[in-house]
């Protein structure tokens, strides 16, 4: 009969075979594509959401973590989410279905008594798994913490490559890293030991109960429904299937614990957000003055400024001088709302604490001591402070400030790629780029932190001259070390031994 079918319908059989096979793999392919799209979308969303969480941290809390540690946490939390989804959708659901099917078969073929016995074993097994997961969570958190510290150390080494090589301190830095790595190694050893011990106990929980069942059957002391070879063989088959699925379930609980710990170990608990004042009143202009009244500033419990009282009027050019670490940059950054302070600061008679952080920063062009250069082109860096400005307007401003040739003479002019952190630019070019980015923002208030650090004498003189000629209507706070230029400033704020004095002239 089979030969007759083969002779009569060979083409049809082949087509049906191909149809079923191709349909099966097509459905599998579509499911995998759908899951992959969902997974990759989740990865992208996770990176964006987690990065935003850390960017929104208050200045102090952000720097207390460190860039290397934050980068590691973001990557680990994202991977944890991927693992969690894969465990939940691909594994846990299927294992639950398989377990349910085995118990149904056991009930129908062996009987209710042994089915409930093995159901009790499963309850004990899962109770142990979830109980041990709390211990694993603590061990994983410690391992994650040591990983963060190690990552921060590596980030610091890579970020200071030039200095390390110039002082021949390769061995020193690696030895310091080794201390961090030893702690990391120890933490993961403890974590892995607890994991392996948990797996061993899980295996015992699947073997021992049914060893007792078989012993009772063989000695005639219980479960006599399994007294025949056929029933005992069938029961053993069900138990082995159950054992395999329970072990899978146990491994997934361990992985779930690890993924859950990685996702929730954000280091954000107790941290303050930067935008907690964004419900304050918006200000759109600066018209009159900035007043400090009994202004006191502590940084990490160190008193930097004690009861400062001064008034800066619109258009004033203010020099800030003093030793390194005396509080010059901290005073400037207070106007950016990076630090908490005691006393009061008023902008046009409005208390700074009542002003929206975002709107206040819109009034300020900040030019830091260490220029922050984003990866991209020169023009992208210049536009970073003002997204609405055109390329032509940027070039016109650079011409007006006599910096056009600095950028135009680069390999591709304004379209030159500056590289990671501006590695293709010289120190002076980066400083000029940072200065012009602040100029292009065109804010009412300029906070300039040692802008001439990487400039030669002529370039330094030209830059200071631009502050007085091109920014003549702006209010400028400028941290400076060259006393030669102090005579040109309207006011001088001097820092010395926790004392701050205001001088009307040099």
Protein backbone atom coordinates (compact mmCIF):
# COMPACT_ATOMS: atom_id res chain seq x y z
CA UNK A 1 0.00 0.00 0.00
CA UNK A 2 2.84 2.35 0.86
CA UNK A 3 4.46 1.58 -2.48
CA UNK A 4 1.17 2.37 -4.25
CA UNK A 5 0.99 5.77 -2.50
CA UNK A 6 4.59 6.49 -3.43
CA UNK A 7 3.90 5.59 -7.07
CA UNK A 8 0.61 7.54 -7.25
CA UNK A 9 1.49 10.72 -5.34
CA UNK A 10 5.29 11.20 -5.18
CA UNK A 11 5.18 14.85 -6.18
CA UNK A 12 2.35 15.65 -3.79
CA UNK A 13 4.11 13.96 -0.86
CA UNK A 14 7.32 15.86 -1.51
CA UNK A 15 5.40 19.13 -1.75
CA UNK A 16 3.57 18.43 1.52
CA UNK A 17 6.86 17.54 3.20
CA UNK A 18 8.47 20.74 1.94
CA UNK A 19 5.41 22.79 2.87
CA UNK A 20 5.33 21.52 6.47
CA UNK A 21 9.10 21.76 6.90
CA UNK A 22 9.47 25.22 5.37
CA UNK A 23 6.41 26.48 7.28
CA UNK A 24 7.89 25.20 10.54
CA UNK A 25 11.24 26.90 9.97
CA UNK A 26 9.58 30.04 8.61
CA UNK A 27 7.47 30.39 11.75
CA UNK A 28 10.59 29.75 13.86
CA UNK A 29 12.51 32.35 11.85
CA UNK A 30 9.73 34.96 12.24
CA UNK A 31 9.48 34.29 15.98
CA UNK A 32 13.24 34.65 16.39
CA UNK A 33 13.26 37.87 14.34
CA UNK A 34 10.39 39.30 16.39
CA UNK A 35 12.11 38.38 19.64
CA UNK A 36 15.44 39.77 18.38
CA UNK A 37 13.83 43.08 17.39
CA UNK A 38 12.18 43.33 20.81
CA UNK A 39 15.43 42.43 22.57
CA UNK A 40 17.55 44.96 20.65
CA UNK A 41 14.92 47.65 21.20
CA UNK A 42 15.07 46.86 24.91
CA UNK A 43 18.88 47.14 24.88
CA UNK A 44 18.76 50.57 23.22
CA UNK A 45 16.03 51.79 25.59
CA UNK A 46 17.95 50.45 28.58
CA UNK A 47 21.14 52.27 27.60
CA UNK A 48 19.23 55.54 27.12
CA UNK A 49 17.17 55.27 30.32
CA UNK A 50 20.08 54.23 32.53
CA UNK A 51 22.43 56.86 31.10
CA UNK A 52 19.80 59.52 31.70
CA UNK A 53 19.42 58.35 35.32
CA UNK A 54 23.10 59.04 36.02
CA UNK A 55 23.28 62.24 33.98
CA UNK A 56 20.40 63.55 36.11
CA UNK A 57 22.38 63.02 39.33
CA UNK A 58 23.46 65.98 41.42
CA UNK A 59 27.04 67.10 40.73
CA UNK A 60 28.43 65.75 44.03
CA UNK A 61 26.69 62.38 43.78
CA UNK A 62 27.76 61.91 40.16
CA UNK A 63 31.43 62.50 40.96
CA UNK A 64 31.22 60.33 44.10
CA UNK A 65 30.54 57.36 41.80
CA UNK A 66 32.99 58.18 39.00
CA UNK A 67 32.68 57.79 35.24
CA UNK A 68 34.29 54.34 35.06
CA UNK A 69 32.02 52.90 37.73
CA UNK A 70 28.89 54.42 36.16
CA UNK A 71 29.83 53.05 32.73
CA UNK A 72 30.24 49.55 34.20
CA UNK A 73 26.94 49.76 36.10
CA UNK A 74 25.05 50.84 32.96
CA UNK A 75 26.48 47.94 30.94
CA UNK A 76 25.80 45.42 33.71
CA UNK A 77 22.22 46.61 34.28
CA UNK A 78 21.52 46.41 30.55
CA UNK A 79 22.91 42.88 30.32
CA UNK A 80 20.86 41.95 33.39
CA UNK A 81 17.68 43.08 31.64
CA UNK A 82 18.54 40.98 28.56
CA UNK A 83 19.21 37.91 30.73
CA UNK A 84 15.98 38.51 32.65
CA UNK A 85 13.89 38.66 29.45
CA UNK A 86 15.53 35.57 27.97
CA UNK A 87 15.00 33.61 31.19
CA UNK A 88 11.38 34.70 31.51
CA UNK A 89 10.27 34.21 27.92
CA UNK A 90 12.55 31.50 26.54
CA UNK A 91 13.19 29.25 29.54
CA UNK A 92 10.99 29.71 32.62
CA UNK A 93 7.69 29.49 30.75
CA UNK A 94 8.67 26.30 28.87
CA UNK A 95 10.02 24.63 32.01
CA UNK A 96 6.81 25.40 33.85
CA UNK A 97 4.79 23.82 31.02
CA UNK A 98 7.03 20.71 30.99
CA UNK A 99 6.77 20.32 34.78
CA UNK A 100 2.99 20.61 34.62
CA UNK A 101 2.85 17.97 31.87
CA UNK A 102 5.02 15.54 33.87
CA UNK A 103 2.82 15.88 36.96
CA UNK A 104 -0.29 15.26 34.86
CA UNK A 105 1.28 12.10 33.37
CA UNK A 106 2.37 10.95 36.81
CA UNK A 107 -1.14 11.45 38.17
CA UNK A 108 -2.75 9.48 35.34
CA UNK A 109 -0.23 6.62 35.16
CA UNK A 110 1.14 6.25 38.71
CA UNK A 111 -1.51 7.69 41.00
CA UNK A 112 -2.41 10.65 43.12
CA UNK A 113 -0.31 9.72 46.18
CA UNK A 114 3.06 9.79 44.43
CA UNK A 115 2.11 12.83 42.36
CA UNK A 116 1.42 14.83 45.54
CA UNK A 117 4.59 13.48 47.13
CA UNK A 118 6.67 14.78 44.23
CA UNK A 119 4.71 18.02 44.25
CA UNK A 120 5.81 18.41 47.87
CA UNK A 121 9.40 17.75 46.80
CA UNK A 122 9.06 20.54 44.22
CA UNK A 123 7.74 22.95 46.89
CA UNK A 124 10.69 22.15 49.20
CA UNK A 125 13.08 22.47 46.25
CA UNK A 126 11.74 25.87 45.19
CA UNK A 127 11.66 27.10 48.81
CA UNK A 128 15.34 26.22 49.13
CA UNK A 129 16.15 27.90 45.79
CA UNK A 130 14.41 31.15 46.69
CA UNK A 131 15.89 31.11 50.20
CA UNK A 132 19.43 30.65 48.91
CA UNK A 133 18.85 33.42 46.36
CA UNK A 134 18.94 36.01 49.17
CA UNK A 135 22.44 34.87 50.17
CA UNK A 136 23.49 34.85 46.52
CA UNK A 137 22.12 38.37 46.08
CA UNK A 138 24.36 39.71 48.87
CA UNK A 139 27.42 37.93 47.46
CA UNK A 140 26.63 39.24 43.98
CA UNK A 141 26.26 42.81 45.26
CA UNK A 142 29.70 42.59 46.90
CA UNK A 143 31.20 41.19 43.69
CA UNK A 144 29.53 43.97 41.67
CA UNK A 145 30.88 46.61 44.05
CA UNK A 146 34.44 45.29 43.67
CA UNK A 147 33.96 45.11 39.89
CA UNK A 148 32.91 48.78 39.92
CA UNK A 149 36.05 49.77 41.84
CA UNK A 150 38.25 47.75 39.50
CA UNK A 151 36.58 49.32 36.46
CA UNK A 152 37.07 52.82 37.88
CA UNK A 153 40.76 52.07 38.38
CA UNK A 154 41.14 50.80 34.80
CA UNK A 155 39.30 53.86 33.48
CA UNK A 156 41.68 56.13 35.41
CA UNK A 157 44.75 54.33 34.06
CA UNK A 158 43.57 54.50 30.45
CA UNK A 159 42.53 58.14 30.84
CA UNK A 160 46.00 59.13 32.08
CA UNK A 161 48.05 57.11 29.60
CA UNK A 162 50.40 59.97 28.65
CA UNK A 163 51.28 60.88 32.24
CA UNK A 164 51.80 57.25 33.27
CA UNK A 165 54.13 56.59 30.35
CA UNK A 166 56.05 59.85 30.79
CA UNK A 167 56.89 58.95 34.41
CA UNK A 168 57.55 55.26 33.60
CA UNK A 169 54.90 54.28 36.11
CA UNK A 170 53.45 51.35 34.16
CA UNK A 171 54.43 48.84 36.86
CA UNK A 172 53.19 51.07 39.68
CA UNK A 173 49.74 51.49 38.13
CA UNK A 174 49.41 47.78 37.38
CA UNK A 175 50.36 46.96 40.99
CA UNK A 176 47.66 49.34 42.24
CA UNK A 177 45.19 47.70 39.87
CA UNK A 178 46.28 44.30 41.17
CA UNK A 179 45.11 45.26 44.67
CA UNK A 180 41.64 46.03 43.31
CA UNK A 181 41.65 42.86 41.20
CA UNK A 182 42.56 40.70 44.20
CA UNK A 183 39.50 41.92 46.09
CA UNK A 184 37.41 41.31 42.96
CA UNK A 185 38.84 37.81 42.56
CA UNK A 186 38.03 36.98 46.19
CA UNK A 187 34.46 38.30 45.90
CA UNK A 188 33.74 36.24 42.80
CA UNK A 189 35.33 33.17 44.41
CA UNK A 190 32.89 33.45 47.32
CA UNK A 191 29.99 34.08 44.94
CA UNK A 192 30.86 31.09 42.74
CA UNK A 193 31.39 28.87 45.79
CA UNK A 194 27.92 29.70 47.11
CA UNK A 195 26.48 29.12 43.61
CA UNK A 196 28.13 25.70 43.30
CA UNK A 197 27.13 24.71 46.83
CA UNK A 198 23.54 25.71 46.03
CA UNK A 199 23.59 23.58 42.87
CA UNK A 200 24.92 20.61 44.86
CA UNK A 201 22.13 20.95 47.43
CA UNK A 202 19.59 21.25 44.61
CA UNK A 203 20.77 17.93 43.17
CA UNK A 204 20.49 16.28 46.60
CA UNK A 205 16.93 17.59 46.95
CA UNK A 206 15.97 15.89 43.67
CA UNK A 207 17.72 12.57 44.44
CA UNK A 208 17.19 11.85 48.15
CA UNK A 209 13.35 11.95 48.35
CA UNK A 210 12.89 9.46 45.52
CA UNK A 211 15.72 7.26 46.82
CA UNK A 212 13.59 6.95 49.95
CA UNK A 213 10.54 6.09 47.81
CA UNK A 214 12.43 3.30 46.01
CA UNK A 215 13.78 1.98 49.33
CA UNK A 216 10.27 1.83 50.81
CA UNK A 217 8.95 0.05 47.71
CA UNK A 218 11.75 -2.53 47.65
CA UNK A 219 11.40 -3.28 51.37
CA UNK A 220 7.60 -3.41 51.13
CA UNK A 221 7.11 -0.61 53.66
CA UNK A 222 5.27 1.90 51.48
CA UNK A 223 4.10 3.03 48.05
CA UNK A 224 3.10 -0.53 47.19
CA UNK A 225 1.44 0.64 43.96
CA UNK A 226 4.98 0.57 42.53
CA UNK A 227 5.58 -3.05 43.55
CA UNK A 228 5.56 -4.27 39.93
CA UNK A 229 8.60 -3.83 37.69
CA UNK A 230 6.55 -2.02 35.03
CA UNK A 231 5.16 0.56 37.47
CA UNK A 232 8.54 1.14 39.12
CA UNK A 233 10.21 1.54 35.74
CA UNK A 234 7.52 4.01 34.61
CA UNK A 235 7.83 5.96 37.88
CA UNK A 236 11.62 6.12 37.48
CA UNK A 237 11.16 7.50 33.96
CA UNK A 238 8.84 10.26 35.25
CA UNK A 239 11.21 11.04 38.14
CA UNK A 240 14.20 11.41 35.81
CA UNK A 241 12.21 13.80 33.58
CA UNK A 242 11.10 15.67 36.68
CA UNK A 243 14.68 15.81 37.99
CA UNK A 244 15.97 17.29 34.73
CA UNK A 245 13.32 20.00 34.63
CA UNK A 246 13.69 20.82 38.33
CA UNK A 247 17.44 21.23 37.88
CA UNK A 248 16.80 23.51 34.92
CA UNK A 249 14.36 25.49 37.03
CA UNK A 250 16.93 25.73 39.84
CA UNK A 251 19.65 26.98 37.49
CA UNK A 252 17.27 29.56 36.10
CA UNK A 253 16.42 30.80 39.60
CA UNK A 254 20.16 31.29 40.21
CA UNK A 255 20.51 33.15 36.91
CA UNK A 256 17.38 35.15 37.67
CA UNK A 257 18.85 36.15 41.05
CA UNK A 258 22.04 37.27 39.34
CA UNK A 259 20.14 39.20 36.65
CA UNK A 260 17.82 40.78 39.24
CA UNK A 261 20.78 41.85 41.38
CA UNK A 262 22.58 43.34 38.37
CA UNK A 263 19.49 45.31 37.30
CA UNK A 264 18.61 46.64 40.76
CA UNK A 265 22.19 47.34 41.94
CA UNK A 266 22.11 50.86 40.53
CA UNK A 267 24.00 52.65 43.36
CA UNK A 268 21.30 55.34 43.08
CA UNK A 269 19.67 54.81 46.48
CA UNK A 270 20.07 57.93 48.59
CA UNK A 271 21.46 59.94 45.68
CA UNK A 272 20.14 63.42 44.95
CA UNK A 273 18.86 64.45 41.53
CA UNK A 274 20.19 67.54 39.81
CA UNK A 275 16.78 68.76 38.62
CA UNK A 276 15.08 68.92 42.02
CA UNK A 277 14.76 72.72 41.64
CA UNK A 278 13.25 72.71 38.17
CA UNK A 279 9.88 73.59 39.62
CA UNK A 280 11.26 77.01 40.53
CA UNK A 281 10.52 80.20 38.65
CA UNK A 282 12.00 80.65 35.19
CA UNK A 283 14.27 83.59 34.44
CA UNK A 284 15.03 84.63 30.89
CA UNK A 285 17.38 87.58 31.38
CA UNK A 286 19.95 89.11 33.70
CA UNK A 287 19.53 92.87 34.05
CA UNK A 288 20.97 94.19 37.28
CA UNK A 289 23.17 92.36 39.81
CA UNK A 290 24.26 89.18 41.61
CA UNK A 291 24.41 89.39 45.40
CA UNK A 292 26.09 87.02 47.86
CA UNK A 293 24.83 87.44 51.44
CA UNK A 294 26.55 85.50 54.26
CA UNK A 295 27.49 82.95 51.61
CA UNK A 296 29.19 79.90 53.17
CA UNK A 297 30.43 76.88 51.23
CA UNK A 298 31.59 73.48 52.45
CA UNK A 299 33.03 70.81 50.13
CA UNK A 300 33.18 67.37 51.78
CA UNK A 301 33.04 69.00 55.23
CA UNK A 302 35.92 71.35 54.37
CA UNK A 303 35.10 75.03 54.84
CA UNK A 304 36.13 76.93 51.71
CA UNK A 305 34.16 80.17 51.96
CA UNK A 306 32.85 81.68 55.19
CA UNK A 307 30.11 84.33 55.23
CA UNK A 308 30.99 86.06 51.97
CA UNK A 309 29.14 89.29 51.18
CA UNK A 310 29.59 90.94 47.80
CA UNK A 311 27.65 92.44 44.90
CA UNK A 312 28.50 92.02 41.22
CA UNK A 313 26.72 94.33 38.77
CA UNK A 314 25.75 93.59 35.19
CA UNK A 315 28.72 94.16 32.88
CA UNK A 316 31.33 93.80 35.63
CA UNK A 317 34.54 91.99 34.77
CA UNK A 318 35.53 90.07 37.89
CA UNK A 319 38.92 88.39 38.35
CA UNK A 320 39.15 85.52 40.84
CA UNK A 321 42.60 84.77 42.26
CA UNK A 322 44.04 82.47 44.89
CA UNK A 323 45.97 79.27 45.48
CA UNK A 324 44.90 75.96 43.99
CA UNK A 325 42.19 74.32 46.07
CA UNK A 326 41.23 77.56 47.81
CA UNK A 327 37.66 77.52 46.43
CA UNK A 328 37.84 79.61 43.25
CA UNK A 329 36.26 77.03 40.94
CA UNK A 330 33.78 76.02 43.63
CA UNK A 331 32.49 79.60 43.86
CA UNK A 332 32.01 79.71 40.09
CA UNK A 333 30.30 76.30 40.01
CA UNK A 334 27.88 77.40 42.71
CA UNK A 335 26.32 79.73 40.13
CA UNK A 336 25.79 76.61 37.98
CA UNK A 337 23.99 75.03 40.97
CA UNK A 338 26.53 72.24 41.34
CA UNK A 339 26.94 72.71 45.10
CA UNK A 340 24.68 73.27 48.09
CA UNK A 341 25.55 76.30 50.23
CA UNK A 342 24.52 78.26 53.29
CA UNK A 343 23.38 81.87 53.20
CA UNK A 344 21.74 83.48 50.18
CA UNK A 345 22.54 84.28 46.57
CA UNK A 346 20.28 86.67 44.66
CA UNK A 347 20.09 87.16 40.90
CA UNK A 348 18.22 90.39 40.11
CA UNK A 349 16.76 90.28 43.65
CA UNK A 350 15.45 86.72 43.14
CA UNK A 351 16.75 84.10 45.57
CA UNK A 352 18.76 81.56 43.58
CA UNK A 353 17.11 78.65 45.42
CA UNK A 354 13.74 79.77 44.04
CA UNK A 355 14.95 79.84 40.43
CA UNK A 356 14.64 76.91 38.02
CA UNK A 357 18.05 75.26 37.59
CA UNK A 358 17.58 74.84 33.84
CA UNK A 359 16.61 78.45 33.20
CA UNK A 360 19.50 79.73 35.34
CA UNK A 361 22.02 77.68 33.38
CA UNK A 362 20.61 79.09 30.16
CA UNK A 363 21.86 82.50 31.34
CA UNK A 364 25.42 81.22 31.76
CA UNK A 365 28.25 80.41 29.35
CA UNK A 366 30.62 78.10 31.20
CA UNK A 367 34.19 77.65 29.94
CA UNK A 368 35.92 75.03 32.13
CA UNK A 369 39.62 74.73 32.88
CA UNK A 370 39.76 71.32 31.19
CA UNK A 371 37.99 71.73 27.85
CA UNK A 372 35.33 69.10 27.24
CA UNK A 373 35.60 68.11 23.59
CA UNK A 374 32.96 65.76 22.18
CA UNK A 375 33.81 63.21 19.51
CA UNK A 376 32.81 64.66 16.14
CA UNK A 377 33.74 67.64 14.00
CA UNK A 378 34.90 71.11 15.01
CA UNK A 379 31.58 72.59 13.87
CA UNK A 380 29.63 70.06 15.96
CA UNK A 381 31.63 71.06 19.02
CA UNK A 382 31.03 74.76 18.38
CA UNK A 383 27.29 74.13 17.93
CA UNK A 384 27.12 72.16 21.16
CA UNK A 385 26.18 75.27 23.15
CA UNK A 386 23.73 76.68 20.59
CA UNK A 387 21.78 74.22 18.43
CA UNK A 388 19.92 76.94 16.49
CA UNK A 389 22.94 78.76 15.08
CA UNK A 390 23.98 78.29 11.42
CA UNK A 391 27.44 77.35 10.16
CA UNK A 392 27.82 80.76 8.52
CA UNK A 393 26.97 82.56 11.77
CA UNK A 394 29.55 80.46 13.59
CA UNK A 395 32.27 81.36 11.09
CA UNK A 396 31.33 85.04 11.29
CA UNK A 397 31.66 84.96 15.09
CA UNK A 398 35.02 83.17 14.83
CA UNK A 399 36.20 85.82 12.36
CA UNK A 400 35.10 88.55 14.76
CA UNK A 401 37.01 86.89 17.64
CA UNK A 402 40.07 86.26 15.46
CA UNK A 403 39.90 82.47 15.89
CA UNK A 404 38.70 81.58 12.38
CA UNK A 405 42.18 80.71 11.09
CA UNK A 406 42.76 78.31 14.00
CA UNK A 407 39.89 76.10 12.78
CA UNK A 408 40.01 76.85 9.04
CA UNK A 409 43.64 75.72 8.77
CA UNK A 410 42.92 72.26 10.17
CA UNK A 411 42.99 69.35 7.70
CA UNK A 412 39.29 69.59 6.81
CA UNK A 413 38.66 73.03 8.26
CA UNK A 414 35.56 73.25 10.42
CA UNK A 415 34.59 69.72 9.31
CA UNK A 416 37.76 68.19 10.80
CA UNK A 417 37.06 65.23 13.06
CA UNK A 418 38.58 66.03 16.46
CA UNK A 419 38.64 62.39 17.66
CA UNK A 420 37.82 60.98 21.06
CA UNK A 421 38.13 63.77 23.67
CA UNK A 422 39.73 65.95 20.98
CA UNK A 423 42.84 63.77 20.68
CA UNK A 424 43.59 65.13 17.18
CA UNK A 425 43.82 68.72 18.48
CA UNK A 426 46.61 70.41 20.39
CA UNK A 427 46.04 71.69 23.93
CA UNK A 428 45.82 75.27 22.67
CA UNK A 429 43.35 74.37 19.91
CA UNK A 430 41.11 72.59 22.42
CA UNK A 431 41.25 75.62 24.72
CA UNK A 432 40.28 78.00 21.89
CA UNK A 433 37.49 75.64 20.81
CA UNK A 434 36.13 75.54 24.35
CA UNK A 435 36.30 79.34 24.64
CA UNK A 436 34.48 79.90 21.34
CA UNK A 437 31.80 77.38 22.26
CA UNK A 438 31.01 79.52 25.30
CA UNK A 439 31.03 82.67 23.17
CA UNK A 440 28.63 81.13 20.64
CA UNK A 441 26.13 80.40 23.41
CA UNK A 442 26.09 84.19 23.92
CA UNK A 443 24.76 84.15 27.48
CA UNK A 444 24.46 87.13 29.81
CA UNK A 445 26.93 85.71 32.34
CA UNK A 446 30.32 84.12 31.55
CA UNK A 447 32.07 81.80 34.00
CA UNK A 448 35.61 81.25 32.72
CA UNK A 449 37.95 78.91 34.62
CA UNK A 450 41.64 79.49 33.78
CA UNK A 451 41.12 79.73 30.01
CA UNK A 452 44.78 80.45 29.25
CA UNK A 453 46.27 77.32 30.85
CA UNK A 454 47.28 75.76 27.50
CA UNK A 455 48.00 78.97 25.58
CA UNK A 456 51.27 80.71 24.78
CA UNK A 457 51.87 84.29 25.95
CA UNK A 458 50.56 85.93 22.77
CA UNK A 459 47.43 83.76 22.60
CA UNK A 460 46.82 84.39 26.31
CA UNK A 461 47.01 88.16 25.80
CA UNK A 462 44.65 88.00 22.81
CA UNK A 463 42.10 85.93 24.72
CA UNK A 464 42.08 88.26 27.74
CA UNK A 465 41.77 91.23 25.38
CA UNK A 466 38.68 89.64 23.78
CA UNK A 467 37.02 89.43 27.19
CA UNK A 468 37.20 93.22 27.51
CA UNK A 469 36.56 94.21 23.90
CA UNK A 470 34.16 91.57 22.56
CA UNK A 471 32.38 90.67 25.81
CA UNK A 472 32.26 94.22 27.09
CA UNK A 473 28.50 94.09 27.82
CA UNK A 474 28.65 90.67 29.48
CA UNK A 475 29.17 89.93 33.16
CA UNK A 476 32.36 87.87 33.41
CA UNK A 477 33.83 85.85 36.28
CA UNK A 478 37.35 84.83 35.23
CA UNK A 479 39.71 82.69 37.28
CA UNK A 480 43.24 83.81 36.49
CA UNK A 481 46.80 83.33 37.75
CA UNK A 482 48.62 86.00 35.75
CA UNK A 483 48.46 89.13 37.92
CA UNK A 484 49.64 91.24 34.99
CA UNK A 485 46.04 91.56 33.77
CA UNK A 486 44.36 92.34 37.11
CA UNK A 487 44.53 96.12 36.57
CA UNK A 488 41.94 95.83 33.78
CA UNK A 489 39.22 94.19 35.91
CA UNK A 490 36.40 96.05 37.65
CA UNK A 491 36.60 93.83 40.74
CA UNK A 492 39.01 91.24 42.13
CA UNK A 493 37.94 88.41 44.43
CA UNK A 494 40.92 87.11 46.39
CA UNK A 495 41.01 83.73 48.20
CA UNK A 496 43.46 83.20 51.06
CA UNK A 497 43.24 80.85 54.08
CA UNK A 498 39.44 80.45 53.96
CA UNK A 499 39.10 84.22 53.75
CA UNK A 500 37.59 85.87 50.69
CA UNK A 501 38.08 89.56 50.06
CA UNK A 502 36.67 91.85 47.41
CA UNK A 503 38.95 94.49 45.89
CA UNK A 504 37.58 97.28 43.72
CA UNK A 505 40.91 97.68 41.91
CA UNK A 506 44.42 96.27 41.72
